[in-house]
Amino acid sequence: MEGILSFINSFFSAFWLILKLGVDVLFVTAKAILYMFFDGFLFVVTNLISTLDLSALAFTEYAKWNDLPPQLIYLINQLALPQGAALIAGALVIRLILNIIPASLTRV
C-alpha cells in the first residue's frame, strides 16, 4: 500500500510541476508577444512624430499672423525652439500613451 501511495504522490507531483512549467511558458510567451506589438507600436508613433515635424512651418505662420518681426522669426527658427517644443510635446504624448495603455488593461 505504501508503494502505491508513494507512486501516486510522485506522479501527481511531477504532473503538477509540468503543469506549472507549462503555464509559466505560456505567460512568458504571451508577455514576449505583447511586448513585441507594444514596442512596434511605440516605434511607429515615435517615427511618425519625428517625421511630421511641422513645428518650424507652424511657428512661422503663427508668428506672421501675430506680426512678429522677420528678424525675430529667423532667430527663433535658428535656435530650433519650435523643434524643441515639438520634442517636448512628443515626449508628453508618448508618456500619456504609456499611462493610458496599462490603465485600460487593468480595468476590467
PDB file of N, CA and C in Angstrom:
ATOM      1  N   MET A   1       0.821  -1.196   0.000  1.00  0.00           N
ATOM      2  CA  MET A   1       0.000   0.000   0.000  1.00  0.00           C
ATOM      3  C   MET A   1       0.866   1.263   0.000  1.00  0.00           C
ATOM      4  N   GLU A   2       1.956   1.194   0.767  1.00  0.00           N
ATOM      5  CA  GLU A   2       2.859   2.353   0.842  1.00  0.00           C
ATOM      6  C   GLU A   2       3.469   2.667  -0.523  1.00  0.00           C
ATOM      7  N   GLY A   3       3.766   1.638  -1.289  1.00  0.00           N
ATOM      8  CA  GLY A   3       4.343   1.824  -2.621  1.00  0.00           C
ATOM      9  C   GLY A   3       3.370   2.488  -3.580  1.00  0.00           C
ATOM     10  N   ILE A   4       2.097   2.113  -3.478  1.00  0.00           N
ATOM     11  CA  ILE A   4       1.083   2.711  -4.357  1.00  0.00           C
ATOM     12  C   ILE A   4       0.894   4.188  -4.020  1.00  0.00           C
ATOM     13  N   LEU A   5       0.829   4.514  -2.728  1.00  0.00           N
ATOM     14  CA  LEU A   5       0.677   5.915  -2.317  1.00  0.00           C
ATOM     15  C   LEU A   5       1.900   6.747  -2.711  1.00  0.00           C
ATOM     16  N   SER A   6       3.079   6.154  -2.586  1.00  0.00           N
ATOM     17  CA  SER A   6       4.297   6.853  -2.990  1.00  0.00           C
ATOM     18  C   SER A   6       4.300   7.106  -4.498  1.00  0.00           C
ATOM     19  N   PHE A   7       3.857   6.115  -5.276  1.00  0.00           N
ATOM     20  CA  PHE A   7       3.784   6.280  -6.727  1.00  0.00           C
ATOM     21  C   PHE A   7       2.779   7.372  -7.109  1.00  0.00           C
ATOM     22  N   ILE A   8       1.604   7.345  -6.495  1.00  0.00           N
ATOM     23  CA  ILE A   8       0.577   8.358  -6.789  1.00  0.00           C
ATOM     24  C   ILE A   8       1.078   9.744  -6.404  1.00  0.00           C
ATOM     25  N   ASN A   9       1.728   9.845  -5.245  1.00  0.00           N
ATOM     26  CA  ASN A   9       2.255  11.135  -4.791  1.00  0.00           C
ATOM     27  C   ASN A   9       3.321  11.654  -5.750  1.00  0.00           C
ATOM     28  N   SER A  10       4.247  10.812  -6.160  1.00  0.00           N
ATOM     29  CA  SER A  10       5.299  11.260  -7.078  1.00  0.00           C
ATOM     30  C   SER A  10       4.734  11.558  -8.465  1.00  0.00           C
ATOM     31  N   PHE A  11       3.726  10.777  -8.901  1.00  0.00           N
ATOM     32  CA  PHE A  11       3.114  11.016 -10.205  1.00  0.00           C
ATOM     33  C   PHE A  11       2.432  12.382 -10.238  1.00  0.00           C
ATOM     34  N   PHE A  12       1.624  12.662  -9.216  1.00  0.00           N
ATOM     35  CA  PHE A  12       0.917  13.943  -9.218  1.00  0.00           C
ATOM     36  C   PHE A  12       1.846  15.118  -8.914  1.00  0.00           C
ATOM     37  N   SER A  13       2.927  14.886  -8.193  1.00  0.00           N
ATOM     38  CA  SER A  13       3.931  15.942  -8.002  1.00  0.00           C
ATOM     39  C   SER A  13       4.586  16.292  -9.333  1.00  0.00           C
ATOM     40  N   ALA A  14       4.927  15.265 -10.106  1.00  0.00           N
ATOM     41  CA  ALA A  14       5.516  15.509 -11.429  1.00  0.00           C
ATOM     42  C   ALA A  14       4.500  16.164 -12.362  1.00  0.00           C
ATOM     43  N   PHE A  15       3.243  15.707 -12.291  1.00  0.00           N
ATOM     44  CA  PHE A  15       2.187  16.311 -13.115  1.00  0.00           C
ATOM     45  C   PHE A  15       2.002  17.786 -12.767  1.00  0.00           C
ATOM     46  N   TRP A  16       2.005  18.102 -11.470  1.00  0.00           N
ATOM     47  CA  TRP A  16       1.836  19.490 -11.031  1.00  0.00           C
ATOM     48  C   TRP A  16       3.021  20.341 -11.479  1.00  0.00           C
ATOM     49  N   LEU A  17       4.224  19.798 -11.408  1.00  0.00           N
ATOM     50  CA  LEU A  17       5.413  20.524 -11.846  1.00  0.00           C
ATOM     51  C   LEU A  17       5.350  20.806 -13.343  1.00  0.00           C
ATOM     52  N   ILE A  18       4.947  19.815 -14.131  1.00  0.00           N
ATOM     53  CA  ILE A  18       4.830  20.007 -15.581  1.00  0.00           C
ATOM     54  C   ILE A  18       3.743  21.029 -15.897  1.00  0.00           C
ATOM     55  N   LEU A  19       2.641  20.981 -15.163  1.00  0.00           N
ATOM     56  CA  LEU A  19       1.562  21.949 -15.370  1.00  0.00           C
ATOM     57  C   LEU A  19       2.028  23.369 -15.043  1.00  0.00           C
ATOM     58  N   LYS A  20       2.766  23.526 -13.928  1.00  0.00           N
ATOM     59  CA  LYS A  20       3.281  24.853 -13.573  1.00  0.00           C
ATOM     60  C   LYS A  20       4.261  25.369 -14.616  1.00  0.00           C
ATOM     61  N   LEU A  21       5.132  24.496 -15.112  1.00  0.00           N
ATOM     62  CA  LEU A  21       6.079  24.907 -16.147  1.00  0.00           C
ATOM     63  C   LEU A  21       5.356  25.286 -17.437  1.00  0.00           C
ATOM     64  N   GLY A  22       4.319  24.537 -17.792  1.00  0.00           N
ATOM     65  CA  GLY A  22       3.546  24.858 -18.995  1.00  0.00           C
ATOM     66  C   GLY A  22       2.858  26.207 -18.892  1.00  0.00           C
ATOM     67  N   VAL A  23       2.265  26.493 -17.737  1.00  0.00           N
ATOM     68  CA  VAL A  23       1.612  27.795 -17.543  1.00  0.00           C
ATOM     69  C   VAL A  23       2.649  28.907 -17.557  1.00  0.00           C
ATOM     70  N   ASP A  24       3.810  28.659 -16.958  1.00  0.00           N
ATOM     71  CA  ASP A  24       4.876  29.661 -16.958  1.00  0.00           C
ATOM     72  C   ASP A  24       5.346  29.954 -18.377  1.00  0.00           C
ATOM     73  N   VAL A  25       5.538  28.917 -19.176  1.00  0.00           N
ATOM     74  CA  VAL A  25       5.941  29.106 -20.577  1.00  0.00           C
ATOM     75  C   VAL A  25       4.866  29.871 -21.338  1.00  0.00           C
ATOM     76  N   LEU A  26       3.610  29.562 -21.074  1.00  0.00           N
ATOM     77  CA  LEU A  26       2.502  30.258 -21.734  1.00  0.00           C
ATOM     78  C   LEU A  26       2.519  31.751 -21.417  1.00  0.00           C
ATOM     79  N   PHE A  27       2.716  32.096 -20.143  1.00  0.00           N
ATOM     80  CA  PHE A  27       2.730  33.506 -19.769  1.00  0.00           C
ATOM     81  C   PHE A  27       3.965  34.234 -20.295  1.00  0.00           C
ATOM     82  N   VAL A  28       5.117  33.576 -20.279  1.00  0.00           N
ATOM     83  CA  VAL A  28       6.335  34.203 -20.810  1.00  0.00           C
ATOM     84  C   VAL A  28       6.187  34.454 -22.307  1.00  0.00           C
ATOM     85  N   THR A  29       5.600  33.509 -23.025  1.00  0.00           N
ATOM     86  CA  THR A  29       5.382  33.676 -24.465  1.00  0.00           C
ATOM     87  C   THR A  29       4.386  34.797 -24.741  1.00  0.00           C
ATOM     88  N   ALA A  30       3.302  34.837 -23.974  1.00  0.00           N
ATOM     89  CA  ALA A  30       2.308  35.905 -24.153  1.00  0.00           C
ATOM     90  C   ALA A  30       2.924  37.266 -23.858  1.00  0.00           C
ATOM     91  N   LYS A  31       3.761  37.337 -22.822  1.00  0.00           N
ATOM     92  CA  LYS A  31       4.421  38.598 -22.491  1.00  0.00           C
ATOM     93  C   LYS A  31       5.349  39.045 -23.616  1.00  0.00           C
ATOM     94  N   ALA A  32       6.090  38.110 -24.185  1.00  0.00           N
ATOM     95  CA  ALA A  32       7.001  38.452 -25.279  1.00  0.00           C
ATOM     96  C   ALA A  32       6.234  38.928 -26.505  1.00  0.00           C
ATOM     97  N   ILE A  33       5.115  38.283 -26.810  1.00  0.00           N
ATOM     98  CA  ILE A  33       4.314  38.691 -27.973  1.00  0.00           C
ATOM     99  C   ILE A  33       3.708  40.070 -27.751  1.00  0.00           C
ATOM    100  N   LEU A  34       3.147  40.306 -26.560  1.00  0.00           N
ATOM    101  CA  LEU A  34       2.573  41.626 -26.263  1.00  0.00           C
ATOM    102  C   LEU A  34       3.645  42.713 -26.281  1.00  0.00           C
ATOM    103  N   TYR A  35       4.831  42.394 -25.744  1.00  0.00           N
ATOM    104  CA  TYR A  35       5.919  43.370 -25.762  1.00  0.00           C
ATOM    105  C   TYR A  35       6.328  43.698 -27.195  1.00  0.00           C
ATOM    106  N   MET A  36       6.360  42.682 -28.059  1.00  0.00           N
ATOM    107  CA  MET A  36       6.755  42.914 -29.448  1.00  0.00           C
ATOM    108  C   MET A  36       5.776  43.871 -30.128  1.00  0.00           C
ATOM    109  N   PHE A  37       4.469  43.636 -29.953  1.00  0.00           N
ATOM    110  CA  PHE A  37       3.481  44.514 -30.573  1.00  0.00           C
ATOM    111  C   PHE A  37       3.515  45.915 -29.967  1.00  0.00           C
ATOM    112  N   PHE A  38       3.643  46.009 -28.641  1.00  0.00           N
ATOM    113  CA  PHE A  38       3.668  47.314 -27.980  1.00  0.00           C
ATOM    114  C   PHE A  38       4.912  48.102 -28.374  1.00  0.00           C
ATOM    115  N   ASP A  39       6.055  47.425 -28.445  1.00  0.00           N
ATOM    116  CA  ASP A  39       7.290  48.089 -28.850  1.00  0.00           C
ATOM    117  C   ASP A  39       7.207  48.546 -30.300  1.00  0.00           C
ATOM    118  N   GLY A  40       6.631  47.733 -31.159  1.00  0.00           N
ATOM    119  CA  GLY A  40       6.444  48.141 -32.558  1.00  0.00           C
ATOM    120  C   GLY A  40       5.512  49.328 -32.681  1.00  0.00           C
ATOM    121  N   PHE A  41       4.437  49.339 -31.882  1.00  0.00           N
ATOM    122  CA  PHE A  41       3.501  50.467 -31.886  1.00  0.00           C
ATOM    123  C   PHE A  41       4.197  51.755 -31.456  1.00  0.00           C
ATOM    124  N   LEU A  42       4.977  51.693 -30.380  1.00  0.00           N
ATOM    125  CA  LEU A  42       5.679  52.893 -29.922  1.00  0.00           C
ATOM    126  C   LEU A  42       6.751  53.330 -30.918  1.00  0.00           C
ATOM    127  N   PHE A  43       7.383  52.388 -31.599  1.00  0.00           N
ATOM    128  CA  PHE A  43       8.368  52.731 -32.620  1.00  0.00           C
ATOM    129  C   PHE A  43       7.707  53.486 -33.766  1.00  0.00           C
ATOM    130  N   VAL A  44       6.544  53.010 -34.201  1.00  0.00           N
ATOM    131  CA  VAL A  44       5.813  53.682 -35.286  1.00  0.00           C
ATOM    132  C   VAL A  44       5.371  55.070 -34.847  1.00  0.00           C
ATOM    133  N   VAL A  45       4.845  55.195 -33.633  1.00  0.00           N
ATOM    134  CA  VAL A  45       4.391  56.500 -33.139  1.00  0.00           C
ATOM    135  C   VAL A  45       5.567  57.467 -33.036  1.00  0.00           C
ATOM    136  N   THR A  46       6.693  56.997 -32.534  1.00  0.00           N
ATOM    137  CA  THR A  46       7.871  57.862 -32.407  1.00  0.00           C
ATOM    138  C   THR A  46       8.360  58.329 -33.772  1.00  0.00           C
ATOM    139  N   ASN A  47       8.401  57.433 -34.738  1.00  0.00           N
ATOM    140  CA  ASN A  47       8.847  57.825 -36.079  1.00  0.00           C
ATOM    141  C   ASN A  47       7.857  58.757 -36.754  1.00  0.00           C
ATOM    142  N   LEU A  48       6.571  58.551 -36.543  1.00  0.00           N
ATOM    143  CA  LEU A  48       5.584  59.472 -37.120  1.00  0.00           C
ATOM    144  C   LEU A  48       5.728  60.870 -36.540  1.00  0.00           C
ATOM    145  N   ILE A  49       5.939  60.950 -35.247  1.00  0.00           N
ATOM    146  CA  ILE A  49       6.086  62.263 -34.618  1.00  0.00           C
ATOM    147  C   ILE A  49       7.338  62.960 -35.130  1.00  0.00           C
ATOM    148  N   SER A  50       8.436  62.214 -35.263  1.00  0.00           N
ATOM    149  CA  SER A  50       9.669  62.845 -35.736  1.00  0.00           C
ATOM    150  C   SER A  50       9.620  63.143 -37.232  1.00  0.00           C
ATOM    151  N   THR A  51       8.876  62.343 -38.006  1.00  0.00           N
ATOM    152  CA  THR A  51       8.771  62.576 -39.445  1.00  0.00           C
ATOM    153  C   THR A  51       7.892  63.778 -39.750  1.00  0.00           C
ATOM    154  N   LEU A  52       6.814  63.920 -39.029  1.00  0.00           N
ATOM    155  CA  LEU A  52       5.872  65.009 -39.274  1.00  0.00           C
ATOM    156  C   LEU A  52       6.262  66.256 -38.492  1.00  0.00           C
ATOM    157  N   ASP A  53       7.504  66.661 -38.611  1.00  0.00           N
ATOM    158  CA  ASP A  53       7.979  67.836 -37.889  1.00  0.00           C
ATOM    159  C   ASP A  53       7.586  69.091 -38.657  1.00  0.00           C
ATOM    160  N   LEU A  54       6.429  69.586 -38.355  1.00  0.00           N
ATOM    161  CA  LEU A  54       5.939  70.809 -38.987  1.00  0.00           C
ATOM    162  C   LEU A  54       6.052  71.991 -38.037  1.00  0.00           C
ATOM    163  N   SER A  55       6.880  71.854 -37.021  1.00  0.00           N
ATOM    164  CA  SER A  55       6.927  72.874 -35.980  1.00  0.00           C
ATOM    165  C   SER A  55       7.452  74.209 -36.493  1.00  0.00           C
ATOM    166  N   ALA A  56       8.505  74.201 -37.304  1.00  0.00           N
ATOM    167  CA  ALA A  56       9.055  75.464 -37.805  1.00  0.00           C
ATOM    168  C   ALA A  56       8.067  76.154 -38.738  1.00  0.00           C
ATOM    169  N   LEU A  57       7.425  75.383 -39.612  1.00  0.00           N
ATOM    170  CA  LEU A  57       6.434  75.961 -40.517  1.00  0.00           C
ATOM    171  C   LEU A  57       5.242  76.508 -39.743  1.00  0.00           C
ATOM    172  N   ALA A  58       4.762  75.745 -38.771  1.00  0.00           N
ATOM    173  CA  ALA A  58       3.618  76.203 -37.976  1.00  0.00           C
ATOM    174  C   ALA A  58       3.983  77.449 -37.183  1.00  0.00           C
ATOM    175  N   PHE A  59       5.187  77.475 -36.601  1.00  0.00           N
ATOM    176  CA  PHE A  59       5.582  78.655 -35.836  1.00  0.00           C
ATOM    177  C   PHE A  59       5.738  79.870 -36.739  1.00  0.00           C
ATOM    178  N   THR A  60       6.308  79.682 -37.915  1.00  0.00           N
ATOM    179  CA  THR A  60       6.492  80.809 -38.836  1.00  0.00           C
ATOM    180  C   THR A  60       5.147  81.405 -39.230  1.00  0.00           C
ATOM    181  N   GLU A  61       4.186  80.560 -39.555  1.00  0.00           N
ATOM    182  CA  GLU A  61       2.855  81.068 -39.910  1.00  0.00           C
ATOM    183  C   GLU A  61       2.198  81.757 -38.723  1.00  0.00           C
ATOM    184  N   TYR A  62       2.319  81.166 -37.545  1.00  0.00           N
ATOM    185  CA  TYR A  62       1.742  81.767 -36.345  1.00  0.00           C
ATOM    186  C   TYR A  62       2.401  83.111 -36.050  1.00  0.00           C
ATOM    187  N   ALA A  63       3.712  83.177 -36.212  1.00  0.00           N
ATOM    188  CA  ALA A  63       4.427  84.422 -35.937  1.00  0.00           C
ATOM    189  C   ALA A  63       4.066  85.501 -36.952  1.00  0.00           C
ATOM    190  N   LYS A  64       3.863  85.124 -38.207  1.00  0.00           N
ATOM    191  CA  LYS A  64       3.456  86.111 -39.217  1.00  0.00           C
ATOM    192  C   LYS A  64       2.072  86.662 -38.916  1.00  0.00           C
ATOM    193  N   TRP A  65       1.168  85.809 -38.454  1.00  0.00           N
ATOM    194  CA  TRP A  65      -0.178  86.274 -38.115  1.00  0.00           C
ATOM    195  C   TRP A  65      -0.147  87.234 -36.930  1.00  0.00           C
ATOM    196  N   ASN A  66       0.813  87.063 -36.034  1.00  0.00           N
ATOM    197  CA  ASN A  66       0.912  87.932 -34.864  1.00  0.00           C
ATOM    198  C   ASN A  66       1.872  89.094 -35.075  1.00  0.00           C
ATOM    199  N   ASP A  67       2.273  89.320 -36.304  1.00  0.00           N
ATOM    200  CA  ASP A  67       3.115  90.461 -36.685  1.00  0.00           C
ATOM    201  C   ASP A  67       4.430  90.523 -35.922  1.00  0.00           C
ATOM    202  N   LEU A  68       5.088  89.380 -35.755  1.00  0.00           N
ATOM    203  CA  LEU A  68       6.436  89.396 -35.197  1.00  0.00           C
ATOM    204  C   LEU A  68       7.398  89.854 -36.285  1.00  0.00           C
ATOM    205  N   PRO A  69       8.451  90.554 -35.910  1.00  0.00           N
ATOM    206  CA  PRO A  69       9.420  90.984 -36.923  1.00  0.00           C
ATOM    207  C   PRO A  69      10.122  89.777 -37.558  1.00  0.00           C
ATOM    208  N   PRO A  70      10.448  89.875 -38.843  1.00  0.00           N
ATOM    209  CA  PRO A  70      11.109  88.747 -39.523  1.00  0.00           C
ATOM    210  C   PRO A  70      12.435  88.354 -38.878  1.00  0.00           C
ATOM    211  N   GLN A  71      13.142  89.332 -38.307  1.00  0.00           N
ATOM    212  CA  GLN A  71      14.419  89.018 -37.661  1.00  0.00           C
ATOM    213  C   GLN A  71      14.206  88.100 -36.448  1.00  0.00           C
ATOM    214  N   LEU A  72      13.153  88.379 -35.688  1.00  0.00           N
ATOM    215  CA  LEU A  72      12.866  87.556 -34.513  1.00  0.00           C
ATOM    216  C   LEU A  72      12.410  86.155 -34.926  1.00  0.00           C
ATOM    217  N   ILE A  73      11.620  86.077 -35.991  1.00  0.00           N
ATOM    218  CA  ILE A  73      11.190  84.770 -36.502  1.00  0.00           C
ATOM    219  C   ILE A  73      12.409  83.967 -36.947  1.00  0.00           C
ATOM    220  N   TYR A  74      13.333  84.613 -37.654  1.00  0.00           N
ATOM    221  CA  TYR A  74      14.547  83.943 -38.116  1.00  0.00           C
ATOM    222  C   TYR A  74      15.380  83.459 -36.925  1.00  0.00           C
ATOM    223  N   LEU A  75      15.531  84.311 -35.904  1.00  0.00           N
ATOM    224  CA  LEU A  75      16.328  83.952 -34.732  1.00  0.00           C
ATOM    225  C   LEU A  75      15.713  82.763 -33.988  1.00  0.00           C
ATOM    226  N   ILE A  76      14.408  82.791 -33.814  1.00  0.00           N
ATOM    227  CA  ILE A  76      13.745  81.687 -33.108  1.00  0.00           C
ATOM    228  C   ILE A  76      13.875  80.388 -33.901  1.00  0.00           C
ATOM    229  N   ASN A  77      13.739  80.471 -35.219  1.00  0.00           N
ATOM    230  CA  ASN A  77      13.891  79.260 -36.036  1.00  0.00           C
ATOM    231  C   ASN A  77      15.332  78.756 -36.030  1.00  0.00           C
ATOM    232  N   GLN A  78      16.309  79.660 -36.004  1.00  0.00           N
ATOM    233  CA  GLN A  78      17.707  79.237 -35.975  1.00  0.00           C
ATOM    234  C   GLN A  78      18.095  78.626 -34.633  1.00  0.00           C
ATOM    235  N   LEU A  79      17.442  79.068 -33.565  1.00  0.00           N
ATOM    236  CA  LEU A  79      17.702  78.480 -32.250  1.00  0.00           C
ATOM    237  C   LEU A  79      16.979  77.139 -32.065  1.00  0.00           C
ATOM    238  N   ALA A  80      16.171  76.765 -33.032  1.00  0.00           N
ATOM    239  CA  ALA A  80      15.415  75.499 -33.034  1.00  0.00           C
ATOM    240  C   ALA A  80      14.465  75.396 -31.853  1.00  0.00           C
ATOM    241  N   LEU A  81      13.915  76.521 -31.443  1.00  0.00           N
ATOM    242  CA  LEU A  81      12.931  76.488 -30.363  1.00  0.00           C
ATOM    243  C   LEU A  81      11.651  75.750 -30.756  1.00  0.00           C
ATOM    244  N   PRO A  82      11.147  75.906 -31.990  1.00  0.00           N
ATOM    245  CA  PRO A  82       9.955  75.116 -32.344  1.00  0.00           C
ATOM    246  C   PRO A  82      10.222  73.607 -32.345  1.00  0.00           C
ATOM    247  N   GLN A  83      11.406  73.188 -32.798  1.00  0.00           N
ATOM    248  CA  GLN A  83      11.725  71.764 -32.785  1.00  0.00           C
ATOM    249  C   GLN A  83      11.848  71.253 -31.349  1.00  0.00           C
ATOM    250  N   GLY A  84      12.411  72.074 -30.473  1.00  0.00           N
ATOM    251  CA  GLY A  84      12.497  71.687 -29.061  1.00  0.00           C
ATOM    252  C   GLY A  84      11.125  71.549 -28.430  1.00  0.00           C
ATOM    253  N   ALA A  85      10.238  72.483 -28.763  1.00  0.00           N
ATOM    254  CA  ALA A  85       8.868  72.387 -28.242  1.00  0.00           C
ATOM    255  C   ALA A  85       8.166  71.149 -28.797  1.00  0.00           C
ATOM    256  N   ALA A  86       8.417  70.828 -30.072  1.00  0.00           N
ATOM    257  CA  ALA A  86       7.818  69.621 -30.661  1.00  0.00           C
ATOM    258  C   ALA A  86       8.380  68.362 -30.007  1.00  0.00           C
ATOM    259  N   LEU A  87       9.663  68.373 -29.666  1.00  0.00           N
ATOM    260  CA  LEU A  87      10.271  67.227 -28.995  1.00  0.00           C
ATOM    261  C   LEU A  87       9.656  67.015 -27.613  1.00  0.00           C
ATOM    262  N   ILE A  88       9.466  68.106 -26.883  1.00  0.00           N
ATOM    263  CA  ILE A  88       8.843  68.006 -25.560  1.00  0.00           C
ATOM    264  C   ILE A  88       7.392  67.549 -25.685  1.00  0.00           C
ATOM    265  N   ALA A  89       6.676  68.081 -26.677  1.00  0.00           N
ATOM    266  CA  ALA A  89       5.284  67.660 -26.882  1.00  0.00           C
ATOM    267  C   ALA A  89       5.218  66.185 -27.269  1.00  0.00           C
ATOM    268  N   GLY A  90       6.143  65.727 -28.095  1.00  0.00           N
ATOM    269  CA  GLY A  90       6.182  64.306 -28.450  1.00  0.00           C
ATOM    270  C   GLY A  90       6.461  63.422 -27.249  1.00  0.00           C
ATOM    271  N   ALA A  91       7.363  63.871 -26.382  1.00  0.00           N
ATOM    272  CA  ALA A  91       7.644  63.104 -25.165  1.00  0.00           C
ATOM    273  C   ALA A  91       6.416  63.047 -24.266  1.00  0.00           C
ATOM    274  N   LEU A  92       5.688  64.150 -24.192  1.00  0.00           N
ATOM    275  CA  LEU A  92       4.461  64.154 -23.392  1.00  0.00           C
ATOM    276  C   LEU A  92       3.413  63.216 -23.975  1.00  0.00           C
ATOM    277  N   VAL A  93       3.287  63.199 -25.297  1.00  0.00           N
ATOM    278  CA  VAL A  93       2.308  62.307 -25.935  1.00  0.00           C
ATOM    279  C   VAL A  93       2.671  60.847 -25.674  1.00  0.00           C
ATOM    280  N   ILE A  94       3.943  60.509 -25.800  1.00  0.00           N
ATOM    281  CA  ILE A  94       4.368  59.131 -25.540  1.00  0.00           C
ATOM    282  C   ILE A  94       4.145  58.776 -24.074  1.00  0.00           C
ATOM    283  N   ARG A  95       4.415  59.713 -23.184  1.00  0.00           N
ATOM    284  CA  ARG A  95       4.180  59.470 -21.752  1.00  0.00           C
ATOM    285  C   ARG A  95       2.697  59.234 -21.477  1.00  0.00           C
ATOM    286  N   LEU A  96       1.838  60.016 -22.119  1.00  0.00           N
ATOM    287  CA  LEU A  96       0.400  59.825 -21.939  1.00  0.00           C
ATOM    288  C   LEU A  96      -0.051  58.483 -22.506  1.00  0.00           C
ATOM    289  N   ILE A  97       0.526  58.072 -23.633  1.00  0.00           N
ATOM    290  CA  ILE A  97       0.189  56.760 -24.198  1.00  0.00           C
ATOM    291  C   ILE A  97       0.616  55.650 -23.235  1.00  0.00           C
ATOM    292  N   LEU A  98       1.797  55.803 -22.649  1.00  0.00           N
ATOM    293  CA  LEU A  98       2.270  54.791 -21.705  1.00  0.00           C
ATOM    294  C   LEU A  98       1.391  54.729 -20.465  1.00  0.00           C
ATOM    295  N   ASN A  99       0.823  55.858 -20.058  1.00  0.00           N
ATOM    296  CA  ASN A  99      -0.058  55.856 -18.891  1.00  0.00           C
ATOM    297  C   ASN A  99      -1.426  55.282 -19.209  1.00  0.00           C
ATOM    298  N   ILE A 100      -1.929  55.491 -20.410  1.00  0.00           N
ATOM    299  CA  ILE A 100      -3.283  55.066 -20.748  1.00  0.00           C
ATOM    300  C   ILE A 100      -3.355  53.561 -20.977  1.00  0.00           C
ATOM    301  N   ILE A 101      -2.392  52.991 -21.668  1.00  0.00           N
ATOM    302  CA  ILE A 101      -2.484  51.582 -22.057  1.00  0.00           C
ATOM    303  C   ILE A 101      -2.507  50.644 -20.847  1.00  0.00           C
ATOM    304  N   PRO A 102      -1.614  50.776 -19.864  1.00  0.00           N
ATOM    305  CA  PRO A 102      -1.741  49.877 -18.712  1.00  0.00           C
ATOM    306  C   PRO A 102      -3.049  50.075 -17.952  1.00  0.00           C
ATOM    307  N   ALA A 103      -3.564  51.291 -17.908  1.00  0.00           N
ATOM    308  CA  ALA A 103      -4.826  51.524 -17.215  1.00  0.00           C
ATOM    309  C   ALA A 103      -5.969  50.810 -17.922  1.00  0.00           C
ATOM    310  N   SER A 104      -5.954  50.801 -19.236  1.00  0.00           N
ATOM    311  CA  SER A 104      -7.032  50.123 -19.961  1.00  0.00           C
ATOM    312  C   SER A 104      -6.918  48.608 -19.842  1.00  0.00           C
ATOM    313  N   LEU A 105      -5.720  48.097 -19.645  1.00  0.00           N
ATOM    314  CA  LEU A 105      -5.558  46.654 -19.494  1.00  0.00           C
ATOM    315  C   LEU A 105      -5.908  46.177 -18.091  1.00  0.00           C
ATOM    316  N   THR A 106      -5.776  47.057 -17.099  1.00  0.00           N
ATOM    317  CA  THR A 106      -6.019  46.630 -15.723  1.00  0.00           C
ATOM    318  C   THR A 106      -7.453  46.846 -15.281  1.00  0.00           C
ATOM    319  N   ARG A 107      -8.210  47.677 -15.975  1.00  0.00           N
ATOM    320  CA  ARG A 107      -9.608  47.913 -15.595  1.00  0.00           C
ATOM    321  C   ARG A 107     -10.507  46.995 -16.402  1.00  0.00           C
ATOM    322  N   VAL A 108     -11.099  46.055 -15.731  1.00  0.00           N
ATOM    323  CA  VAL A 108     -11.945  45.070 -16.424  1.00  0.00           C
ATOM    324  C   VAL A 108     -13.406  45.383 -16.180  1.00  0.00           C
TER     325      VAL A 108
END
